[in-house]
C-alpha atoms as a PDB file:
ATOM      1  CA  MET A   1     -45.015 -32.238  70.657  1.00  0.00           C
ATOM      2  CA  LYS A   2     -46.831 -28.934  70.214  1.00  0.00           C
ATOM      3  CA  ASN A   3     -46.814 -26.429  73.044  1.00  0.00           C
ATOM      4  CA  LYS A   4     -49.563 -26.953  75.582  1.00  0.00           C
ATOM      5  CA  THR A   5     -52.896 -25.524  74.453  1.00  0.00           C
ATOM      6  CA  ILE A   6     -54.325 -22.980  76.902  1.00  0.00           C
ATOM      7  CA  ILE A   7     -57.856 -24.093  77.752  1.00  0.00           C
ATOM      8  CA  ILE A   8     -60.229 -21.408  79.006  1.00  0.00           C
ATOM      9  CA  ALA A   9     -63.471 -22.375  80.717  1.00  0.00           C
ATOM     10  CA  GLU A  10     -65.721 -19.483  79.712  1.00  0.00           C
ATOM     11  CA  ALA A  11     -68.082 -19.207  82.664  1.00  0.00           C
ATOM     12  CA  GLY A  12     -69.145 -15.781  81.414  1.00  0.00           C
ATOM     13  CA  VAL A  13     -72.522 -14.991  82.946  1.00  0.00           C
ATOM     14  CA  ASN A  14     -73.453 -18.623  83.576  1.00  0.00           C
ATOM     15  CA  HIS A  15     -73.504 -17.853  87.298  1.00  0.00           C
ATOM     16  CA  ASN A  16     -76.923 -16.223  86.666  1.00  0.00           C
ATOM     17  CA  GLY A  17     -75.988 -13.515  89.168  1.00  0.00           C
ATOM     18  CA  SER A  18     -75.476 -16.043  91.982  1.00  0.00           C
ATOM     19  CA  MET A  19     -72.217 -16.074  93.945  1.00  0.00           C
ATOM     20  CA  ASP A  20     -72.933 -19.633  95.049  1.00  0.00           C
ATOM     21  CA  ILE A  21     -73.049 -20.777  91.416  1.00  0.00           C
ATOM     22  CA  ALA A  22     -69.964 -18.698  90.550  1.00  0.00           C
ATOM     23  CA  VAL A  23     -67.948 -20.388  93.293  1.00  0.00           C
ATOM     24  CA  LYS A  24     -69.139 -23.816  92.158  1.00  0.00           C
ATOM     25  CA  LEU A  25     -68.099 -22.963  88.604  1.00  0.00           C
ATOM     26  CA  ILE A  26     -64.560 -22.233  89.827  1.00  0.00           C
ATOM     27  CA  ASP A  27     -64.434 -25.535  91.711  1.00  0.00           C
ATOM     28  CA  ALA A  28     -65.764 -27.453  88.712  1.00  0.00           C
ATOM     29  CA  ALA A  29     -63.380 -25.767  86.261  1.00  0.00           C
ATOM     30  CA  LYS A  30     -60.429 -26.739  88.436  1.00  0.00           C
ATOM     31  CA  GLU A  31     -61.625 -30.355  88.423  1.00  0.00           C
ATOM     32  CA  THR A  32     -61.877 -30.441  84.614  1.00  0.00           C
ATOM     33  CA  GLY A  33     -58.199 -29.586  84.207  1.00  0.00           C
ATOM     34  CA  SER A  34     -58.877 -26.184  82.621  1.00  0.00           C
ATOM     35  CA  ASP A  35     -56.027 -23.687  82.714  1.00  0.00           C
ATOM     36  CA  VAL A  36     -58.222 -20.610  83.170  1.00  0.00           C
ATOM     37  CA  ILE A  37     -61.759 -19.812  84.241  1.00  0.00           C
ATOM     38  CA  LYS A  38     -63.119 -16.585  82.820  1.00  0.00           C
ATOM     39  CA  PHE A  39     -66.104 -14.444  83.789  1.00  0.00           C
ATOM     40  CA  GLN A  40     -67.495 -11.173  82.420  1.00  0.00           C
ATOM     41  CA  SER A  41     -67.236  -7.757  84.094  1.00  0.00           C
ATOM     42  CA  PHE A  42     -69.743  -5.040  83.265  1.00  0.00           C
ATOM     43  CA  ILE A  43     -72.013  -2.364  84.640  1.00  0.00           C
ATOM     44  CA  ALA A  44     -75.268  -3.028  82.842  1.00  0.00           C
ATOM     45  CA  GLU A  45     -76.184   0.633  82.245  1.00  0.00           C
ATOM     46  CA  LYS A  46     -72.768   1.271  80.659  1.00  0.00           C
ATOM     47  CA  LEU A  47     -73.002  -1.781  78.409  1.00  0.00           C
ATOM     48  CA  ALA A  48     -76.469  -1.487  76.898  1.00  0.00           C
ATOM     49  CA  SER A  49     -79.033   1.264  76.428  1.00  0.00           C
ATOM     50  CA  ASN A  50     -82.724   1.053  77.260  1.00  0.00           C
ATOM     51  CA  ASN A  51     -83.444   0.532  73.574  1.00  0.00           C
ATOM     52  CA  ALA A  52     -80.986  -2.342  73.001  1.00  0.00           C
ATOM     53  CA  LYS A  53     -82.704  -5.466  71.722  1.00  0.00           C
ATOM     54  CA  LYS A  54     -81.768  -8.977  72.754  1.00  0.00           C
ATOM     55  CA  ALA A  55     -80.357 -11.441  70.240  1.00  0.00           C
ATOM     56  CA  GLU A  56     -82.689 -14.273  69.296  1.00  0.00           C
ATOM     57  CA  TYR A  57     -80.743 -16.770  71.386  1.00  0.00           C
ATOM     58  CA  GLN A  58     -80.868 -14.375  74.364  1.00  0.00           C
ATOM     59  CA  SER A  59     -84.632 -13.985  74.072  1.00  0.00           C
ATOM     60  CA  LYS A  60     -85.130 -17.735  73.802  1.00  0.00           C
ATOM     61  CA  ASN A  61     -82.925 -18.652  76.779  1.00  0.00           C
ATOM     62  CA  SER A  62     -83.207 -15.575  78.998  1.00  0.00           C
ATOM     63  CA  LEU A  63     -83.962 -15.690  82.705  1.00  0.00           C
ATOM     64  CA  ASP A  64     -87.013 -13.596  81.899  1.00  0.00           C
ATOM     65  CA  THR A  65     -88.060 -13.534  78.263  1.00  0.00           C
ATOM     66  CA  ASN A  66     -90.106 -10.365  78.686  1.00  0.00           C
ATOM     67  CA  ILE A  67     -87.357  -8.027  79.886  1.00  0.00           C
ATOM     68  CA  SER A  68     -85.008  -5.949  77.726  1.00  0.00           C
ATOM     69  CA  GLN A  69     -81.317  -6.663  77.152  1.00  0.00           C
ATOM     70  CA  LEU A  70     -80.532  -4.082  79.820  1.00  0.00           C
ATOM     71  CA  GLY A  71     -82.882  -5.773  82.265  1.00  0.00           C
ATOM     72  CA  MET A  72     -81.312  -9.143  81.494  1.00  0.00           C
ATOM     73  CA  LEU A  73     -77.804  -7.786  82.038  1.00  0.00           C
ATOM     74  CA  LYS A  74     -78.762  -6.260  85.383  1.00  0.00           C
ATOM     75  CA  LYS A  75     -79.768  -9.721  86.616  1.00  0.00           C
ATOM     76  CA  LEU A  76     -76.392 -11.102  85.498  1.00  0.00           C
ATOM     77  CA  GLU A  77     -74.188  -8.331  86.933  1.00  0.00           C
ATOM     78  CA  LEU A  78     -71.695  -9.016  89.718  1.00  0.00           C
ATOM     79  CA  SER A  79     -70.365  -6.189  91.877  1.00  0.00           C
ATOM     80  CA  PHE A  80     -66.650  -5.439  91.990  1.00  0.00           C
ATOM     81  CA  ASP A  81     -66.515  -6.735  95.579  1.00  0.00           C
ATOM     82  CA  GLN A  82     -68.087  -9.996  94.467  1.00  0.00           C
ATOM     83  CA  GLN A  83     -65.620 -10.292  91.603  1.00  0.00           C
ATOM     84  CA  ARG A  84     -62.688  -9.544  93.902  1.00  0.00           C
ATOM     85  CA  PHE A  85     -63.843 -12.404  96.132  1.00  0.00           C
ATOM     86  CA  LEU A  86     -63.970 -14.751  93.105  1.00  0.00           C
ATOM     87  CA  PHE A  87     -60.451 -13.781  92.009  1.00  0.00           C
ATOM     88  CA  ASN A  88     -59.123 -14.480  95.522  1.00  0.00           C
ATOM     89  CA  TYR A  89     -61.059 -17.744  95.733  1.00  0.00           C
ATOM     90  CA  ALA A  90     -59.693 -18.973  92.394  1.00  0.00           C
ATOM     91  CA  ALA A  91     -56.148 -18.149  93.526  1.00  0.00           C
ATOM     92  CA  GLU A  92     -56.691 -20.272  96.635  1.00  0.00           C
ATOM     93  CA  LYS A  93     -57.971 -23.109  94.455  1.00  0.00           C
ATOM     94  CA  GLY A  94     -54.939 -22.901  92.169  1.00  0.00           C
ATOM     95  CA  ILE A  95     -56.659 -22.013  88.909  1.00  0.00           C
ATOM     96  CA  GLU A  96     -55.951 -18.866  86.910  1.00  0.00           C
ATOM     97  CA  ILE A  97     -58.911 -16.509  86.624  1.00  0.00           C
ATOM     98  CA  ALA A  98     -59.688 -13.684  84.218  1.00  0.00           C
ATOM     99  CA  SER A  99     -62.652 -11.634  83.137  1.00  0.00           C
ATOM    100  CA  THR A 100     -63.749  -9.789  80.019  1.00  0.00           C
ATOM    101  CA  ALA A 101     -64.470  -6.124  80.684  1.00  0.00           C
ATOM    102  CA  PHE A 102     -67.206  -4.380  78.728  1.00  0.00           C
ATOM    103  CA  ASP A 103     -66.931  -0.809  80.012  1.00  0.00           C
ATOM    104  CA  GLU A 104     -64.247   1.624  81.153  1.00  0.00           C
ATOM    105  CA  GLU A 105     -65.059   1.346  84.861  1.00  0.00           C
ATOM    106  CA  SER A 106     -64.821  -2.455  84.733  1.00  0.00           C
ATOM    107  CA  ILE A 107     -61.522  -2.155  82.878  1.00  0.00           C
ATOM    108  CA  GLY A 108     -60.246   0.029  85.717  1.00  0.00           C
ATOM    109  CA  PHE A 109     -61.300  -2.516  88.320  1.00  0.00           C
ATOM    110  CA  LEU A 110     -59.612  -5.419  86.512  1.00  0.00           C
ATOM    111  CA  ARG A 111     -56.451  -3.370  86.104  1.00  0.00           C
ATOM    112  CA  GLU A 112     -56.494  -2.591  89.814  1.00  0.00           C
ATOM    113  CA  ILE A 113     -56.486  -6.301  90.691  1.00  0.00           C
ATOM    114  CA  ASN A 114     -53.686  -6.887  88.155  1.00  0.00           C
ATOM    115  CA  MET A 115     -55.367  -9.334  85.800  1.00  0.00           C
ATOM    116  CA  PRO A 116     -52.675 -11.334  83.947  1.00  0.00           C
ATOM    117  CA  PHE A 117     -54.045 -10.788  80.433  1.00  0.00           C
ATOM    118  CA  TRP A 118     -56.811  -8.912  78.668  1.00  0.00           C
ATOM    119  CA  LYS A 119     -59.542 -10.585  76.635  1.00  0.00           C
ATOM    120  CA  VAL A 120     -61.134  -8.363  73.990  1.00  0.00           C
ATOM    121  CA  PRO A 121     -64.548  -9.793  73.056  1.00  0.00           C
ATOM    122  CA  SER A 122     -65.697  -9.963  69.446  1.00  0.00           C
ATOM    123  CA  GLY A 123     -68.220  -7.177  69.923  1.00  0.00           C
ATOM    124  CA  GLU A 124     -65.469  -4.668  70.767  1.00  0.00           C
ATOM    125  CA  ILE A 125     -63.240  -5.356  67.744  1.00  0.00           C
ATOM    126  CA  ASP A 126     -64.092  -1.975  66.179  1.00  0.00           C
ATOM    127  CA  ASN A 127     -64.469  -0.006  69.430  1.00  0.00           C
ATOM    128  CA  THR A 128     -61.613   2.470  69.038  1.00  0.00           C
ATOM    129  CA  PRO A 129     -61.689   4.078  72.527  1.00  0.00           C
ATOM    130  CA  TYR A 130     -62.056   0.675  74.200  1.00  0.00           C
ATOM    131  CA  LEU A 131     -59.132  -0.776  72.247  1.00  0.00           C
ATOM    132  CA  ARG A 132     -56.968   2.263  73.011  1.00  0.00           C
ATOM    133  CA  ILE A 133     -57.473   1.831  76.750  1.00  0.00           C
ATOM    134  CA  ILE A 134     -56.630  -1.883  76.648  1.00  0.00           C
ATOM    135  CA  GLY A 135     -53.703  -1.251  74.307  1.00  0.00           C
ATOM    136  CA  SER A 136     -52.211   1.383  76.600  1.00  0.00           C
ATOM    137  CA  PHE A 137     -51.456  -1.256  79.268  1.00  0.00           C
ATOM    138  CA  ASN A 138     -48.965  -3.186  77.091  1.00  0.00           C
ATOM    139  CA  LYS A 139     -50.044  -6.481  78.653  1.00  0.00           C
ATOM    140  CA  PRO A 140     -50.882  -9.744  76.844  1.00  0.00           C
ATOM    141  CA  VAL A 141     -54.110  -9.443  74.852  1.00  0.00           C
ATOM    142  CA  ILE A 142     -56.365 -12.155  73.455  1.00  0.00           C
ATOM    143  CA  LEU A 143     -58.459 -10.661  70.669  1.00  0.00           C
ATOM    144  CA  SER A 144     -61.625 -12.537  69.729  1.00  0.00           C
ATOM    145  CA  THR A 145     -62.606 -12.100  66.081  1.00  0.00           C
ATOM    146  CA  GLY A 146     -66.222 -13.219  65.698  1.00  0.00           C
ATOM    147  CA  MET A 147     -68.366 -11.229  63.232  1.00  0.00           C
ATOM    148  CA  SER A 148     -65.241  -9.816  61.559  1.00  0.00           C
ATOM    149  CA  THR A 149     -63.142  -9.847  58.402  1.00  0.00           C
ATOM    150  CA  LEU A 150     -59.366  -9.846  58.057  1.00  0.00           C
ATOM    151  CA  ALA A 151     -59.585  -6.080  57.564  1.00  0.00           C
ATOM    152  CA  ASP A 152     -61.487  -5.704  60.862  1.00  0.00           C
ATOM    153  CA  ILE A 153     -58.809  -7.711  62.652  1.00  0.00           C
ATOM    154  CA  GLU A 154     -56.014  -5.621  61.129  1.00  0.00           C
ATOM    155  CA  TYR A 155     -57.796  -2.471  62.272  1.00  0.00           C
ATOM    156  CA  ALA A 156     -58.045  -3.700  65.877  1.00  0.00           C
ATOM    157  CA  LEU A 157     -54.394  -4.783  65.860  1.00  0.00           C
ATOM    158  CA  ASP A 158     -53.342  -1.398  64.520  1.00  0.00           C
ATOM    159  CA  VAL A 159     -55.245   0.437  67.297  1.00  0.00           C
ATOM    160  CA  LEU A 160     -53.855  -1.823  70.044  1.00  0.00           C
ATOM    161  CA  VAL A 161     -50.269  -1.479  68.800  1.00  0.00           C
ATOM    162  CA  LYS A 162     -50.436   2.287  68.316  1.00  0.00           C
ATOM    163  CA  ALA A 163     -51.871   2.584  71.840  1.00  0.00           C
ATOM    164  CA  GLY A 164     -48.794   0.875  73.277  1.00  0.00           C
ATOM    165  CA  THR A 165     -49.165  -2.924  73.158  1.00  0.00           C
ATOM    166  CA  LYS A 166     -46.327  -4.750  71.426  1.00  0.00           C
ATOM    167  CA  ARG A 167     -47.671  -6.825  68.557  1.00  0.00           C
ATOM    168  CA  ASP A 168     -45.986 -10.000  69.815  1.00  0.00           C
ATOM    169  CA  LYS A 169     -48.080  -9.787  72.993  1.00  0.00           C
ATOM    170  CA  ILE A 170     -51.313 -10.282  71.042  1.00  0.00           C
ATOM    171  CA  SER A 171     -53.037 -13.588  70.294  1.00  0.00           C
ATOM    172  CA  LEU A 172     -56.112 -14.008  68.114  1.00  0.00           C
ATOM    173  CA  LEU A 173     -59.170 -16.199  68.571  1.00  0.00           C
ATOM    174  CA  HIS A 174     -61.146 -17.361  65.559  1.00  0.00           C
ATOM    175  CA  CYS A 175     -64.820 -17.393  66.502  1.00  0.00           C
ATOM    176  CA  THR A 176     -68.323 -17.747  65.042  1.00  0.00           C
ATOM    177  CA  THR A 177     -70.624 -15.536  67.091  1.00  0.00           C
ATOM    178  CA  GLU A 178     -73.852 -17.507  67.287  1.00  0.00           C
ATOM    179  CA  TYR A 179     -75.152 -19.629  70.160  1.00  0.00           C
ATOM    180  CA  PRO A 180     -74.945 -22.440  69.279  1.00  0.00           C
ATOM    181  CA  ALA A 181     -72.894 -21.892  66.122  1.00  0.00           C
ATOM    182  CA  PRO A 182     -73.928 -23.909  63.036  1.00  0.00           C
ATOM    183  CA  PHE A 183     -71.240 -26.421  62.063  1.00  0.00           C
ATOM    184  CA  ASN A 184     -71.292 -25.272  58.432  1.00  0.00           C
ATOM    185  CA  GLU A 185     -70.345 -21.747  59.529  1.00  0.00           C
ATOM    186  CA  VAL A 186     -67.451 -22.659  61.821  1.00  0.00           C
ATOM    187  CA  ASN A 187     -64.745 -22.762  59.122  1.00  0.00           C
ATOM    188  CA  ILE A 188     -61.823 -23.784  61.329  1.00  0.00           C
ATOM    189  CA  ASN A 189     -59.532 -23.682  58.280  1.00  0.00           C
ATOM    190  CA  VAL A 190     -59.529 -19.921  58.914  1.00  0.00           C
ATOM    191  CA  ILE A 191     -57.117 -20.604  61.797  1.00  0.00           C
ATOM    192  CA  GLU A 192     -54.344 -21.235  59.274  1.00  0.00           C
ATOM    193  CA  THR A 193     -55.441 -18.236  57.190  1.00  0.00           C
ATOM    194  CA  MET A 194     -55.180 -15.969  60.230  1.00  0.00           C
ATOM    195  CA  LYS A 195     -51.787 -17.366  61.250  1.00  0.00           C
ATOM    196  CA  THR A 196     -50.456 -16.723  57.748  1.00  0.00           C
ATOM    197  CA  SER A 197     -52.070 -13.287  57.454  1.00  0.00           C
ATOM    198  CA  PHE A 198     -50.960 -11.843  60.781  1.00  0.00           C
ATOM    199  CA  GLY A 199     -48.017 -13.958  61.946  1.00  0.00           C
ATOM    200  CA  LEU A 200     -49.560 -14.228  65.409  1.00  0.00           C
ATOM    201  CA  PRO A 201     -50.660 -17.151  67.610  1.00  0.00           C
ATOM    202  CA  VAL A 202     -54.248 -18.119  66.795  1.00  0.00           C
ATOM    203  CA  GLY A 203     -56.711 -19.963  68.999  1.00  0.00           C
ATOM    204  CA  TYR A 204     -60.388 -20.791  68.740  1.00  0.00           C
ATOM    205  CA  SER A 205     -63.404 -19.687  70.767  1.00  0.00           C
ATOM    206  CA  ASP A 206     -66.046 -22.364  70.280  1.00  0.00           C
ATOM    207  CA  HIS A 207     -69.808 -21.902  70.330  1.00  0.00           C
ATOM    208  CA  THR A 208     -70.810 -25.194  68.722  1.00  0.00           C
ATOM    209  CA  THR A 209     -72.494 -28.013  70.598  1.00  0.00           C
ATOM    210  CA  GLY A 210     -70.310 -30.902  71.764  1.00  0.00           C
ATOM    211  CA  ILE A 211     -66.540 -31.243  71.905  1.00  0.00           C
ATOM    212  CA  ASN A 212     -65.557 -32.315  68.384  1.00  0.00           C
ATOM    213  CA  VAL A 213     -64.860 -28.905  66.853  1.00  0.00           C
ATOM    214  CA  PRO A 214     -62.479 -27.572  69.528  1.00  0.00           C
ATOM    215  CA  ILE A 215     -60.550 -30.860  69.383  1.00  0.00           C
ATOM    216  CA  ALA A 216     -60.283 -30.505  65.598  1.00  0.00           C
ATOM    217  CA  ALA A 217     -59.187 -26.886  66.062  1.00  0.00           C
ATOM    218  CA  VAL A 218     -56.229 -28.031  68.163  1.00  0.00           C
ATOM    219  CA  ALA A 219     -55.260 -30.455  65.383  1.00  0.00           C
ATOM    220  CA  LYS A 220     -55.431 -27.474  63.031  1.00  0.00           C
ATOM    221  CA  GLY A 221     -52.964 -25.557  65.186  1.00  0.00           C
ATOM    222  CA  ALA A 222     -55.135 -23.626  67.662  1.00  0.00           C
ATOM    223  CA  CYS A 223     -52.978 -22.615  70.647  1.00  0.00           C
ATOM    224  CA  ILE A 224     -55.917 -21.480  72.825  1.00  0.00           C
ATOM    225  CA  ILE A 225     -59.331 -23.068  73.233  1.00  0.00           C
ATOM    226  CA  GLU A 226     -62.129 -21.113  74.859  1.00  0.00           C
ATOM    227  CA  LYS A 227     -65.408 -22.906  75.485  1.00  0.00           C
ATOM    228  CA  HIS A 228     -68.517 -21.867  77.408  1.00  0.00           C
ATOM    229  CA  PHE A 229     -68.847 -23.693  80.710  1.00  0.00           C
ATOM    230  CA  THR A 230     -71.914 -24.303  82.867  1.00  0.00           C
ATOM    231  CA  LEU A 231     -73.018 -26.459  85.767  1.00  0.00           C
ATOM    232  CA  ASP A 232     -76.264 -27.335  83.992  1.00  0.00           C
ATOM    233  CA  LYS A 233     -77.258 -26.681  80.354  1.00  0.00           C
ATOM    234  CA  ASN A 234     -80.920 -26.623  81.340  1.00  0.00           C
ATOM    235  CA  MET A 235     -80.561 -23.596  83.612  1.00  0.00           C
ATOM    236  CA  PRO A 236     -82.252 -20.420  82.349  1.00  0.00           C
ATOM    237  CA  GLY A 237     -79.825 -17.865  80.969  1.00  0.00           C
ATOM    238  CA  PRO A 238     -78.480 -16.753  77.565  1.00  0.00           C
ATOM    239  CA  ASP A 239     -75.373 -18.961  77.249  1.00  0.00           C
ATOM    240  CA  HIS A 240     -76.134 -22.245  79.025  1.00  0.00           C
ATOM    241  CA  LYS A 241     -77.425 -24.068  75.938  1.00  0.00           C
ATOM    242  CA  ALA A 242     -74.161 -23.464  74.057  1.00  0.00           C
ATOM    243  CA  SER A 243     -72.012 -24.511  77.032  1.00  0.00           C
ATOM    244  CA  LEU A 244     -70.465 -27.745  78.263  1.00  0.00           C
ATOM    245  CA  GLU A 245     -71.228 -29.256  81.636  1.00  0.00           C
ATOM    246  CA  PRO A 246     -68.253 -30.332  83.814  1.00  0.00           C
ATOM    247  CA  LYS A 247     -68.190 -33.977  82.664  1.00  0.00           C
ATOM    248  CA  GLU A 248     -68.193 -32.980  78.993  1.00  0.00           C
ATOM    249  CA  PHE A 249     -65.636 -30.244  79.566  1.00  0.00           C
ATOM    250  CA  LYS A 250     -63.280 -32.693  81.258  1.00  0.00           C
ATOM    251  CA  GLU A 251     -63.681 -35.080  78.302  1.00  0.00           C
ATOM    252  CA  MET A 252     -62.753 -32.225  75.969  1.00  0.00           C
ATOM    253  CA  VAL A 253     -59.670 -31.330  78.020  1.00  0.00           C
ATOM    254  CA  THR A 254     -58.542 -34.975  78.070  1.00  0.00           C
ATOM    255  CA  ALA A 255     -59.050 -35.322  74.312  1.00  0.00           C
ATOM    256  CA  ILE A 256     -57.125 -32.102  73.611  1.00  0.00           C
ATOM    257  CA  ARG A 257     -54.184 -33.290  75.698  1.00  0.00           C
ATOM    258  CA  GLN A 258     -54.192 -36.583  73.773  1.00  0.00           C
ATOM    259  CA  VAL A 259     -54.256 -34.742  70.438  1.00  0.00           C
ATOM    260  CA  GLU A 260     -51.301 -32.608  71.560  1.00  0.00           C
ATOM    261  CA  GLU A 261     -49.288 -35.770  72.251  1.00  0.00           C
ATOM    262  CA  ALA A 262     -50.412 -37.366  69.000  1.00  0.00           C
ATOM    263  CA  LEU A 263     -49.329 -34.378  66.893  1.00  0.00           C
ATOM    264  CA  GLY A 264     -45.703 -35.083  67.790  1.00  0.00           C
ATOM    265  CA  ASN A 265     -42.623 -33.346  66.372  1.00  0.00           C
ATOM    266  CA  GLY A 266     -43.174 -33.947  62.644  1.00  0.00           C
ATOM    267  CA  ILE A 267     -40.041 -36.107  62.254  1.00  0.00           C
ATOM    268  CA  LYS A 268     -40.699 -39.487  60.608  1.00  0.00           C
ATOM    269  CA  GLN A 269     -38.747 -42.012  62.629  1.00  0.00           C
ATOM    270  CA  VAL A 270     -39.041 -45.445  64.203  1.00  0.00           C
ATOM    271  CA  THR A 271     -40.550 -45.045  67.660  1.00  0.00           C
ATOM    272  CA  ASP A 272     -39.394 -46.871  70.761  1.00  0.00           C
ATOM    273  CA  SER A 273     -42.513 -49.048  70.857  1.00  0.00           C
ATOM    274  CA  GLU A 274     -42.186 -49.897  67.142  1.00  0.00           C
ATOM    275  CA  LYS A 275     -38.619 -51.190  67.435  1.00  0.00           C
ATOM    276  CA  ALA A 276     -39.673 -54.395  69.168  1.00  0.00           C
ATOM    277  CA  ASN A 277     -42.230 -55.082  66.422  1.00  0.00           C
ATOM    278  CA  ILE A 278     -39.863 -54.835  63.451  1.00  0.00           C
ATOM    279  CA  PRO A 279     -38.645 -58.466  63.621  1.00  0.00           C
ATOM    280  CA  ILE A 280     -42.225 -59.636  64.162  1.00  0.00           C
ATOM    281  CA  ALA A 281     -43.938 -57.671  61.377  1.00  0.00           C
ATOM    282  CA  ARG A 282     -41.262 -57.531  58.661  1.00  0.00           C
ATOM    283  CA  LYS A 283     -40.356 -60.423  56.371  1.00  0.00           C
ATOM    284  CA  ASN A 284     -37.008 -61.981  55.551  1.00  0.00           C
ATOM    285  CA  ILE A 285     -35.660 -63.997  52.610  1.00  0.00           C
ATOM    286  CA  VAL A 286     -36.320 -67.744  52.946  1.00  0.00           C
ATOM    287  CA  THR A 287     -36.135 -70.745  50.634  1.00  0.00           C
ATOM    288  CA  ALA A 288     -39.285 -71.702  48.763  1.00  0.00           C
ATOM    289  CA  LYS A 289     -38.001 -75.234  47.988  1.00  0.00           C
ATOM    290  CA  ARG A 290     -34.987 -77.487  48.568  1.00  0.00           C
ATOM    291  CA  ILE A 291     -31.733 -75.947  47.288  1.00  0.00           C
ATOM    292  CA  ARG A 292     -28.409 -77.774  46.891  1.00  0.00           C
ATOM    293  CA  ALA A 293     -24.955 -76.312  47.554  1.00  0.00           C
ATOM    294  CA  GLY A 294     -23.680 -74.499  44.448  1.00  0.00           C
ATOM    295  CA  GLU A 295     -27.184 -73.997  43.032  1.00  0.00           C
ATOM    296  CA  LEU A 296     -28.096 -70.437  42.093  1.00  0.00           C
ATOM    297  CA  PHE A 297     -30.633 -68.519  44.154  1.00  0.00           C
ATOM    298  CA  THR A 298     -33.554 -67.565  41.875  1.00  0.00           C
ATOM    299  CA  GLU A 299     -36.935 -65.933  42.156  1.00  0.00           C
ATOM    300  CA  ASP A 300     -38.380 -69.420  41.775  1.00  0.00           C
ATOM    301  CA  ASN A 301     -36.580 -71.007  44.748  1.00  0.00           C
ATOM    302  CA  LEU A 302     -36.700 -68.045  47.148  1.00  0.00           C
ATOM    303  CA  THR A 303     -39.596 -66.202  48.796  1.00  0.00           C
ATOM    304  CA  THR A 304     -40.199 -63.862  51.756  1.00  0.00           C
ATOM    305  CA  LYS A 305     -41.859 -64.710  55.057  1.00  0.00           C
ATOM    306  CA  ARG A 306     -41.971 -63.535  58.618  1.00  0.00           C
ATOM    307  CA  THR A 307     -39.244 -65.385  60.454  1.00  0.00           C
ATOM    308  CA  GLY A 308     -38.070 -63.083  63.239  1.00  0.00           C
ATOM    309  CA  ALA A 309     -34.517 -62.942  61.894  1.00  0.00           C
ATOM    310  CA  GLY A 310     -32.521 -63.205  58.680  1.00  0.00           C
ATOM    311  CA  ILE A 311     -31.816 -61.111  55.603  1.00  0.00           C
ATOM    312  CA  SER A 312     -34.213 -58.286  54.743  1.00  0.00           C
ATOM    313  CA  PRO A 313     -35.980 -58.404  51.349  1.00  0.00           C
ATOM    314  CA  ARG A 314     -34.342 -55.066  50.572  1.00  0.00           C
ATOM    315  CA  TYR A 315     -31.282 -57.222  49.653  1.00  0.00           C
ATOM    316  CA  TRP A 316     -33.353 -59.412  47.282  1.00  0.00           C
ATOM    317  CA  ASP A 317     -31.559 -58.227  44.136  1.00  0.00           C
ATOM    318  CA  PHE A 318     -28.195 -58.770  45.820  1.00  0.00           C
ATOM    319  CA  ILE A 319     -29.052 -62.418  46.696  1.00  0.00           C
ATOM    320  CA  ILE A 320     -30.667 -63.427  43.371  1.00  0.00           C
ATOM    321  CA  GLY A 321     -28.044 -65.045  41.088  1.00  0.00           C
ATOM    322  CA  ARG A 322     -25.614 -65.961  43.871  1.00  0.00           C
ATOM    323  CA  LYS A 323     -24.645 -69.541  44.648  1.00  0.00           C
ATOM    324  CA  ALA A 324     -25.877 -71.356  47.724  1.00  0.00           C
ATOM    325  CA  ALA A 325     -22.957 -72.057  50.064  1.00  0.00           C
ATOM    326  CA  ARG A 326     -24.716 -75.119  51.523  1.00  0.00           C
ATOM    327  CA  ASP A 327     -27.772 -77.299  51.187  1.00  0.00           C
ATOM    328  CA  TYR A 328     -31.095 -75.692  52.229  1.00  0.00           C
ATOM    329  CA  GLU A 329     -34.404 -77.264  53.106  1.00  0.00           C
ATOM    330  CA  PRO A 330     -37.659 -75.391  52.337  1.00  0.00           C
ATOM    331  CA  ASP A 331     -38.522 -72.472  54.681  1.00  0.00           C
ATOM    332  CA  GLU A 332     -34.941 -71.894  55.812  1.00  0.00           C
ATOM    333  CA  GLU A 333     -33.526 -68.371  56.261  1.00  0.00           C
ATOM    334  CA  ILE A 334     -30.722 -67.373  53.927  1.00  0.00           C
ATOM    335  CA  GLU A 335     -27.507 -66.364  55.703  1.00  0.00           C
END
């Protein structure tokens, strides 16, 4: 059986700036069986400038379609005190919590509360000063690789390692950065390409609709699944439409755990449940007609049928041409 896939419920900014919703997201993520719930930490003015445009999906699904990206982010920002409360609340609930930092001050806050691992979002894969700060901590890093090439990934790895993070502490996430991502652009076969290219664990951050692609990614060897998580897809906000609601998320978690069991150990062997079915499903050598003692067994007077016991047809060539030791009636097993 493959190692347990780490499943991250990406709450992101799906709290819409509401602590009440954020708390409910933690409760719901725990109920789905997720391993981690993850939010986003940022100070809006340090993440986007006044001139930054919104992506098409952000404009379409924004809380207020008329405001700028900066204005949108301000509505989605949680204070450090609010985030500290959420980290403590998740600990009480028994679910691991993390957050993606988008600016140096937020990185400092998350380091202060001793976050167990660092998630580098796809948009920061070429941000040299950002990567150097994260890399200097020498803690586990999950590097998301949307909008990138293999060369971009190698660059980010090089910066992280030179800054102080051991390479074997880094995991990669294949990702298609569009919300929702078109199925024909997902290309989950890249998971194997990345594993071969970098010799590192590779997971998958999913932005497609539904649960089929992340399940397939696990079958392809993904060791981490990250999927956007919301209480209600119809809520206003940039990421809700590409997220799963709790019922769907739980179905995904259940399916992933079943796939993990089904993948097995790769050894072809008779299973415990199959052993009882061998005498029922396999055939044995029986007489096709009456045979007298001393008569030769031939392909004309023998056949194979399910009997529950007897000589396996694998010994057919050994039996053909031998003499019958006694009289046989039709449909009798050969001793």
